[in-house]
Amino acid sequence: MKTVLLIHTETQYFGGAEKMLVNFIDGLVACNIDLIVVVGEGGRLTRGLNAAVRTVAIPNNSHFNPISLWRQLKSLVRSLGQQPVVAVHAWAARDWQLAVAFGALRRVPALGTLHDHPAASYIRQRRRLLMRYCANWGMDKIVCVSEAVRRACVEEGYYEAKLAVIHNGIPITPRKIRKKPSTCLQLGWLGSFSEVKGFEGLFEILAQFDKLANSEWEVAIGGEAQHQAEHELKARVAHRFDRSAWWPKVHFKGWIAHPAEFLETLDLLLFTSKLFDSLPNVLLECGAARIPALAAVTGGVSEIVLDQPEKTGWLFEAGNWRQAAECLVKISTDRDGLKRAGERAAERVSEHFSANRMVNEYVGLYKQLQIL
């Protein structure tokens, strides 16, 4: 049996990359590929993993240093014993150095997946240098989750020949949408209450839209403030806008456990992110729910949302709230166009961003590297 070692030692968060990993593992299991998943001690990832998958827990190495890397490698080798492994795949950049070290020790191919901009502001300079060194000299292949990420890697000095693009994918499950007909335009927003996600910009759009529009509307906001800065931002927004005549149309829904059910209640999703977003998962979920989006062009957004020629949604320049509001006015007068865009969005996500397609493309890459 050919066993692939899949590493993801994140312990603090369970976000888009972790959701994609669960989808990926389920798909590999369905393809009868033998896996061992390496996780961080005390992390949340194991709760969502396929019960058929063997897991190995090792110390986390979020703050990289050679000693902690050595401890990780020692723990991993001890846990695996003589288990034969044909390749090692690091699901996130923080584990690339471990994949390189283990691959060199066992003399097997090493590859990594990159979910972020390689020079994102939250990645320290030392980590960026380490990532580039691993990618260029230690890895056999780096998988970028969007063409936007691939271009960014080339700009940062990654060897182009080592880069591949495999879009993230979500499970496509047919659902009957029982949305109640309404003359009131149902807008929505889903995300964290942060500056980079354009939370305050959302209300700039709504304020300008209300002045320009001649239609009834309301907006449902999914999410909640989780940190002090987010609480302060929400309070600042409320202080600024809560005396506006349109403020009662804003409905805070709190934490959304089931995004599909939330999205299906909408006519249009507003995506207002201001900084590079590799391949926003919410836009995939939105399309799968047959709901179009009005989205800021940043990172891989335009790989999901097509503004022309066959619209699956609408795009605006990131941070240009006036442009977004004017576009929203035009959208609000064409409800049939909204429905058509939603249907095309569902077709696009099903064809290009399904979990099955993602898994098949990774399996194809494994075969190309002679892993399988």
Protein backbone atom coordinates (compact mmCIF):
# COMPACT_ATOMS: atom_id res chain seq x y z
CA MET A 1 0.00 0.00 0.00
CA LYS A 2 1.38 3.42 -1.02
CA THR A 3 0.97 5.80 1.91
CA VAL A 4 0.98 9.59 1.57
CA LEU A 5 1.94 11.63 4.63
CA LEU A 6 -0.24 14.77 4.85
CA ILE A 7 0.92 17.42 7.36
CA HIS A 8 -1.11 20.22 8.93
CA THR A 9 -0.08 21.18 12.46
CA GLU A 10 -2.23 24.31 12.91
CA THR A 11 -3.80 24.26 16.38
CA GLN A 12 -5.34 27.73 16.93
CA TYR A 13 -7.67 28.21 13.99
CA PHE A 14 -10.19 26.26 11.94
CA GLY A 15 -10.76 28.40 8.88
CA GLY A 16 -10.99 28.06 5.12
CA ALA A 17 -7.75 26.09 4.71
CA GLU A 18 -8.86 23.58 7.33
CA LYS A 19 -12.32 23.17 5.72
CA MET A 20 -10.62 22.52 2.40
CA LEU A 21 -8.31 19.98 4.02
CA VAL A 22 -11.29 18.03 5.38
CA ASN A 23 -12.84 18.03 1.88
CA PHE A 24 -9.50 16.93 0.41
CA ILE A 25 -9.03 14.08 2.86
CA ASP A 26 -12.57 12.81 2.30
CA GLY A 27 -11.88 12.79 -1.43
CA LEU A 28 -8.57 10.93 -1.10
CA VAL A 29 -10.22 8.32 1.11
CA ALA A 30 -12.94 7.87 -1.53
CA CYS A 31 -10.15 7.29 -4.09
CA ASN A 32 -8.73 4.52 -1.86
CA ILE A 33 -5.50 6.43 -1.24
CA ASP A 34 -3.84 5.45 2.02
CA LEU A 35 -3.18 8.46 4.23
CA ILE A 36 -1.50 9.35 7.48
CA VAL A 37 -2.44 12.86 8.62
CA VAL A 38 0.03 14.66 10.88
CA VAL A 39 -1.68 17.17 13.19
CA GLY A 40 -0.60 19.53 15.94
CA GLU A 41 -0.97 18.36 19.52
CA GLY A 42 -4.19 19.68 21.09
CA GLY A 43 -5.55 21.05 17.81
CA ARG A 44 -9.18 21.02 16.61
CA LEU A 45 -8.56 19.44 13.23
CA THR A 46 -9.01 15.80 14.27
CA ARG A 47 -12.67 16.41 15.21
CA GLY A 48 -13.69 16.86 11.59
CA LEU A 49 -11.51 14.21 9.97
CA ASN A 50 -12.69 11.01 8.33
CA ALA A 51 -12.69 8.23 10.93
CA ALA A 52 -10.90 5.93 8.49
CA VAL A 53 -7.78 8.11 8.50
CA ARG A 54 -4.86 7.44 10.84
CA THR A 55 -3.56 10.56 12.59
CA VAL A 56 -0.24 11.31 14.27
CA ALA A 57 0.06 14.24 16.70
CA ILE A 58 3.33 16.18 16.99
CA PRO A 59 4.35 19.51 18.59
CA ASN A 60 3.41 22.70 16.74
CA ASN A 61 6.12 24.91 15.22
CA SER A 62 4.24 28.15 14.57
CA HIS A 63 7.21 30.22 15.76
CA PHE A 64 9.89 28.53 13.70
CA ASN A 65 13.31 27.74 15.07
CA PRO A 66 15.70 24.86 14.30
CA ILE A 67 15.27 23.25 17.73
CA SER A 68 11.48 23.01 17.45
CA LEU A 69 11.84 21.68 13.90
CA TRP A 70 14.19 18.98 15.20
CA ARG A 71 11.66 18.08 17.90
CA GLN A 72 8.89 17.82 15.32
CA LEU A 73 10.99 15.63 13.05
CA LYS A 74 12.10 13.40 15.92
CA SER A 75 8.51 13.00 17.14
CA LEU A 76 7.28 12.21 13.64
CA VAL A 77 9.97 9.61 12.93
CA ARG A 78 9.34 7.93 16.28
CA SER A 79 5.57 7.83 15.71
CA LEU A 80 5.83 6.38 12.21
CA GLY A 81 8.43 3.76 13.01
CA GLN A 82 9.11 1.66 9.92
CA GLN A 83 5.87 2.70 8.18
CA PRO A 84 6.73 3.13 4.47
CA VAL A 85 5.75 6.50 3.01
CA VAL A 86 5.90 7.41 -0.69
CA ALA A 87 5.51 11.21 -0.37
CA VAL A 88 5.03 14.01 2.13
CA HIS A 89 2.57 16.85 1.50
CA ALA A 90 2.45 19.98 3.69
CA TRP A 91 -1.01 21.56 3.51
CA ALA A 92 0.14 24.97 4.75
CA ALA A 93 3.36 26.97 4.43
CA ARG A 94 4.16 26.77 8.15
CA ASP A 95 4.84 23.04 7.67
CA TRP A 96 6.95 23.25 4.52
CA GLN A 97 10.24 23.01 6.38
CA LEU A 98 9.12 19.81 8.13
CA ALA A 99 8.02 18.30 4.81
CA VAL A 100 11.40 19.17 3.26
CA ALA A 101 13.32 17.67 6.20
CA PHE A 102 11.23 14.49 6.29
CA GLY A 103 11.33 14.13 2.50
CA ALA A 104 15.12 14.40 2.51
CA LEU A 105 15.41 11.92 5.39
CA ARG A 106 13.17 9.32 3.74
CA ARG A 107 14.22 10.22 0.17
CA VAL A 108 10.65 10.74 -0.99
CA PRO A 109 9.03 13.62 -2.91
CA ALA A 110 7.89 16.63 -0.89
CA LEU A 111 5.22 19.08 -1.98
CA GLY A 112 3.33 21.93 -0.37
CA THR A 113 0.13 23.91 -0.82
CA LEU A 114 0.03 27.71 -0.55
CA HIS A 115 -3.25 29.32 0.53
CA ASP A 116 -1.96 32.88 0.99
CA HIS A 117 0.04 35.59 -0.72
CA PRO A 118 3.70 34.59 -0.19
CA ALA A 119 4.51 38.10 1.05
CA ALA A 120 1.36 38.79 3.08
CA SER A 121 1.78 41.46 5.72
CA TYR A 122 1.30 38.95 8.56
CA ILE A 123 4.20 36.77 7.34
CA ARG A 124 7.50 37.89 8.83
CA GLN A 125 10.48 38.50 6.59
CA ARG A 126 12.40 35.54 8.01
CA ARG A 127 9.44 33.25 7.34
CA ARG A 128 9.14 34.57 3.77
CA LEU A 129 12.79 33.75 3.11
CA LEU A 130 12.35 30.29 4.60
CA MET A 131 9.25 29.67 2.47
CA ARG A 132 11.04 30.67 -0.71
CA TYR A 133 14.06 28.54 0.14
CA CYS A 134 11.83 25.50 0.81
CA ALA A 135 9.87 26.07 -2.40
CA ASN A 136 12.90 26.53 -4.64
CA TRP A 137 15.36 24.05 -3.14
CA GLY A 138 13.48 21.50 -1.05
CA MET A 139 10.04 20.96 -2.58
CA ASP A 140 9.25 19.02 -5.74
CA LYS A 141 6.09 21.07 -6.32
CA ILE A 142 4.19 23.99 -4.80
CA VAL A 143 0.42 24.03 -5.37
CA CYS A 144 -1.11 27.53 -5.48
CA VAL A 145 -4.84 27.70 -4.74
CA SER A 146 -5.41 30.36 -7.40
CA GLU A 147 -3.74 31.88 -10.41
CA ALA A 148 -3.42 35.09 -8.36
CA VAL A 149 -1.30 33.24 -5.79
CA ARG A 150 0.83 31.71 -8.55
CA ARG A 151 1.54 35.15 -10.06
CA ALA A 152 2.44 36.51 -6.63
CA CYS A 153 4.89 33.62 -6.12
CA VAL A 154 6.61 34.36 -9.43
CA GLU A 155 6.91 38.03 -8.42
CA GLU A 156 8.49 36.95 -5.12
CA GLY A 157 11.18 34.86 -6.85
CA TYR A 158 9.67 31.36 -6.68
CA TYR A 159 10.78 29.10 -9.52
CA GLU A 160 7.90 29.11 -11.98
CA ALA A 161 8.53 25.54 -13.11
CA LYS A 162 7.82 24.29 -9.59
CA LEU A 163 4.43 26.00 -9.35
CA ALA A 164 1.05 24.46 -10.16
CA VAL A 165 -2.48 25.86 -9.75
CA ILE A 166 -5.22 23.72 -8.22
CA HIS A 167 -8.27 25.68 -7.14
CA ASN A 168 -9.83 24.86 -3.80
CA GLY A 169 -13.14 23.03 -4.06
CA ILE A 170 -16.27 22.49 -2.00
CA PRO A 171 -18.71 19.56 -1.90
CA ILE A 172 -21.54 20.08 -4.38
CA THR A 173 -24.76 18.76 -2.92
CA PRO A 174 -28.07 19.43 -4.69
CA ARG A 175 -30.40 21.40 -2.44
CA LYS A 176 -33.98 22.55 -2.87
CA ILE A 177 -34.08 26.25 -2.23
CA ARG A 178 -37.34 27.29 -0.61
CA LYS A 179 -36.81 31.03 -0.59
CA LYS A 180 -39.98 33.01 0.02
CA PRO A 181 -40.78 35.48 -2.78
CA SER A 182 -40.27 39.06 -1.66
CA THR A 183 -40.40 42.50 -3.26
CA CYS A 184 -37.74 43.60 -0.78
CA LEU A 185 -34.17 43.10 -2.02
CA GLN A 186 -32.40 40.78 0.40
CA LEU A 187 -28.73 41.71 0.70
CA GLY A 188 -26.19 39.83 2.81
CA TRP A 189 -22.66 39.94 4.12
CA LEU A 190 -20.70 37.15 5.79
CA GLY A 191 -17.29 37.36 7.44
CA SER A 192 -15.20 38.69 10.29
CA PHE A 193 -15.71 42.25 11.50
CA SER A 194 -12.33 43.57 10.41
CA GLU A 195 -10.83 46.42 8.40
CA VAL A 196 -9.23 44.07 5.88
CA LYS A 197 -12.59 42.40 5.20
CA GLY A 198 -14.08 45.81 4.45
CA PHE A 199 -16.60 45.72 7.29
CA GLU A 200 -16.87 49.51 7.57
CA GLY A 201 -16.88 49.80 3.78
CA LEU A 202 -20.04 47.68 3.70
CA PHE A 203 -21.90 50.46 5.52
CA GLU A 204 -20.38 53.10 3.23
CA ILE A 205 -21.95 51.19 0.33
CA LEU A 206 -25.32 50.89 2.07
CA ALA A 207 -25.40 54.59 2.98
CA GLN A 208 -24.73 55.67 -0.61
CA PHE A 209 -27.03 52.99 -2.05
CA ASP A 210 -29.95 54.16 0.08
CA LYS A 211 -29.56 57.70 -1.27
CA LEU A 212 -29.46 56.52 -4.88
CA ALA A 213 -31.90 53.60 -4.86
CA ASN A 214 -35.63 53.64 -5.38
CA SER A 215 -36.35 50.19 -4.00
CA GLU A 216 -37.00 48.40 -0.74
CA TRP A 217 -34.05 46.54 0.73
CA GLU A 218 -32.59 45.07 3.88
CA VAL A 219 -29.29 43.46 4.76
CA ALA A 220 -28.46 40.43 6.90
CA ILE A 221 -24.97 40.40 8.41
CA GLY A 222 -23.52 37.05 9.39
CA GLY A 223 -20.65 36.87 11.85
CA GLU A 224 -19.66 38.32 15.17
CA ALA A 225 -16.86 40.34 16.73
CA GLN A 226 -14.30 37.94 18.21
CA HIS A 227 -11.46 40.26 19.25
CA GLN A 228 -11.22 43.65 20.94
CA ALA A 229 -10.37 45.41 17.68
CA GLU A 230 -13.45 43.91 16.03
CA HIS A 231 -15.70 44.97 18.91
CA GLU A 232 -14.30 48.50 18.62
CA LEU A 233 -14.84 48.56 14.86
CA LYS A 234 -18.45 47.40 15.22
CA ALA A 235 -19.07 50.08 17.88
CA ARG A 236 -17.51 52.74 15.64
CA VAL A 237 -19.72 51.73 12.74
CA ALA A 238 -22.84 51.81 14.92
CA HIS A 239 -21.92 55.24 16.34
CA ARG A 240 -21.44 56.60 12.84
CA PHE A 241 -24.54 55.19 11.15
CA ASP A 242 -27.14 54.21 13.77
CA ARG A 243 -29.04 57.52 13.40
CA SER A 244 -29.45 56.99 9.66
CA ALA A 245 -32.99 56.37 8.43
CA TRP A 246 -31.85 53.09 6.84
CA TRP A 247 -30.19 51.64 9.97
CA PRO A 248 -33.30 49.58 10.99
CA LYS A 249 -32.84 47.68 7.72
CA VAL A 250 -29.57 46.22 9.07
CA HIS A 251 -29.96 42.87 10.85
CA PHE A 252 -27.04 41.31 12.71
CA LYS A 253 -27.52 37.53 12.67
CA GLY A 254 -24.57 36.52 14.85
CA TRP A 255 -22.33 33.55 14.24
CA ILE A 256 -23.43 31.47 11.23
CA ALA A 257 -22.91 27.75 11.81
CA HIS A 258 -24.42 26.71 8.46
CA PRO A 259 -23.43 29.23 5.74
CA ALA A 260 -25.48 27.54 3.00
CA GLU A 261 -28.72 28.05 4.92
CA PHE A 262 -27.86 31.71 5.52
CA LEU A 263 -26.85 32.35 1.92
CA GLU A 264 -30.00 30.78 0.50
CA THR A 265 -32.10 33.50 2.14
CA LEU A 266 -30.36 36.22 0.09
CA ASP A 267 -30.75 37.77 -3.34
CA LEU A 268 -27.18 39.09 -3.42
CA LEU A 269 -24.02 38.74 -1.33
CA LEU A 270 -21.78 41.76 -0.80
CA PHE A 271 -18.07 40.90 -0.63
CA THR A 272 -16.06 43.94 0.45
CA SER A 273 -12.56 42.65 1.24
CA LYS A 274 -9.85 45.33 0.81
CA LEU A 275 -6.68 43.21 0.79
CA PHE A 276 -5.47 40.22 -1.23
CA ASP A 277 -7.78 37.25 -0.75
CA SER A 278 -6.42 34.12 -2.41
CA LEU A 279 -9.70 32.35 -3.25
CA PRO A 280 -12.53 33.40 -0.91
CA ASN A 281 -14.41 30.35 0.32
CA VAL A 282 -17.55 32.41 0.95
CA LEU A 283 -17.81 33.16 -2.79
CA LEU A 284 -17.66 29.44 -3.57
CA GLU A 285 -20.38 28.72 -1.01
CA CYS A 286 -22.40 31.64 -2.34
CA GLY A 287 -22.25 30.38 -5.91
CA ALA A 288 -23.14 26.84 -4.84
CA ALA A 289 -26.25 28.30 -3.17
CA ARG A 290 -27.21 29.94 -6.51
CA ILE A 291 -26.69 33.40 -5.09
CA PRO A 292 -24.63 35.93 -7.09
CA ALA A 293 -22.18 38.35 -5.49
CA LEU A 294 -21.16 41.95 -5.84
CA ALA A 295 -17.48 41.55 -5.04
CA ALA A 296 -14.33 43.62 -4.65
CA VAL A 297 -11.60 42.64 -7.11
CA THR A 298 -8.79 41.35 -4.94
CA GLY A 299 -6.63 38.24 -5.18
CA GLY A 300 -8.48 35.34 -6.80
CA VAL A 301 -11.97 36.89 -6.66
CA SER A 302 -12.19 37.39 -10.44
CA GLU A 303 -11.36 33.70 -10.94
CA ILE A 304 -14.67 32.88 -9.24
CA VAL A 305 -16.95 35.81 -10.12
CA LEU A 306 -17.27 36.59 -13.83
CA ASP A 307 -18.59 40.05 -14.69
CA GLN A 308 -18.43 39.49 -18.46
CA PRO A 309 -19.61 38.09 -20.81
CA GLU A 310 -21.84 35.58 -19.00
CA LYS A 311 -22.33 37.22 -15.64
CA THR A 312 -22.09 35.11 -12.51
CA GLY A 313 -21.90 38.28 -10.42
CA TRP A 314 -20.58 41.84 -10.45
CA LEU A 315 -17.14 43.26 -9.64
CA PHE A 316 -15.92 46.61 -8.32
CA GLU A 317 -12.53 48.09 -7.52
CA ALA A 318 -11.51 47.19 -3.95
CA GLY A 319 -12.18 50.12 -1.63
CA ASN A 320 -14.24 52.04 -4.20
CA TRP A 321 -17.48 52.13 -2.22
CA ARG A 322 -19.11 54.70 -4.54
CA GLN A 323 -18.60 52.41 -7.54
CA ALA A 324 -20.06 49.50 -5.58
CA ALA A 325 -23.13 51.53 -4.56
CA GLU A 326 -23.78 52.65 -8.14
CA CYS A 327 -23.45 49.09 -9.36
CA LEU A 328 -25.85 47.95 -6.65
CA VAL A 329 -28.44 50.46 -7.86
CA LYS A 330 -28.34 48.92 -11.35
CA ILE A 331 -28.52 45.40 -9.91
CA SER A 332 -31.55 46.28 -7.77
CA THR A 333 -33.61 47.21 -10.86
CA ASP A 334 -33.08 43.86 -12.58
CA ARG A 335 -34.33 41.04 -10.37
CA ASP A 336 -34.50 38.63 -13.31
CA GLY A 337 -30.84 39.38 -14.03
CA LEU A 338 -30.03 38.58 -10.40
CA LYS A 339 -31.66 35.18 -10.72
CA ARG A 340 -29.88 34.41 -14.01
CA ALA A 341 -26.52 35.38 -12.52
CA GLY A 342 -27.18 33.09 -9.55
CA GLU A 343 -27.93 30.14 -11.81
CA ARG A 344 -24.73 30.74 -13.79
CA ALA A 345 -22.76 31.11 -10.55
CA ALA A 346 -23.97 27.67 -9.45
CA GLU A 347 -22.97 26.18 -12.80
CA ARG A 348 -19.50 27.74 -12.60
CA VAL A 349 -18.82 26.55 -9.05
CA SER A 350 -20.05 23.05 -9.88
CA GLU A 351 -17.83 22.85 -12.97
CA HIS A 352 -14.65 24.55 -11.76
CA PHE A 353 -14.64 24.55 -7.95
CA SER A 354 -16.02 21.21 -6.80
CA ALA A 355 -14.21 19.13 -4.18
CA ASN A 356 -14.19 16.22 -6.64
CA ARG A 357 -12.33 18.27 -9.23
CA MET A 358 -9.83 19.49 -6.62
CA VAL A 359 -9.11 15.93 -5.48
CA ASN A 360 -8.78 14.61 -9.03
CA GLU A 361 -6.27 17.32 -9.92
CA TYR A 362 -4.18 16.58 -6.82
CA VAL A 363 -4.26 12.87 -7.65
CA GLY A 364 -3.12 13.76 -11.17
CA LEU A 365 -0.24 15.74 -9.70
CA TYR A 366 0.69 12.82 -7.41
CA LYS A 367 0.82 10.56 -10.45
CA GLN A 368 2.90 13.12 -12.35
CA LEU A 369 5.42 13.03 -9.49
CA GLN A 370 5.24 9.22 -9.59
CA ILE A 371 3.85 9.10 -6.06
CA LEU A 372 0.93 6.82 -7.03
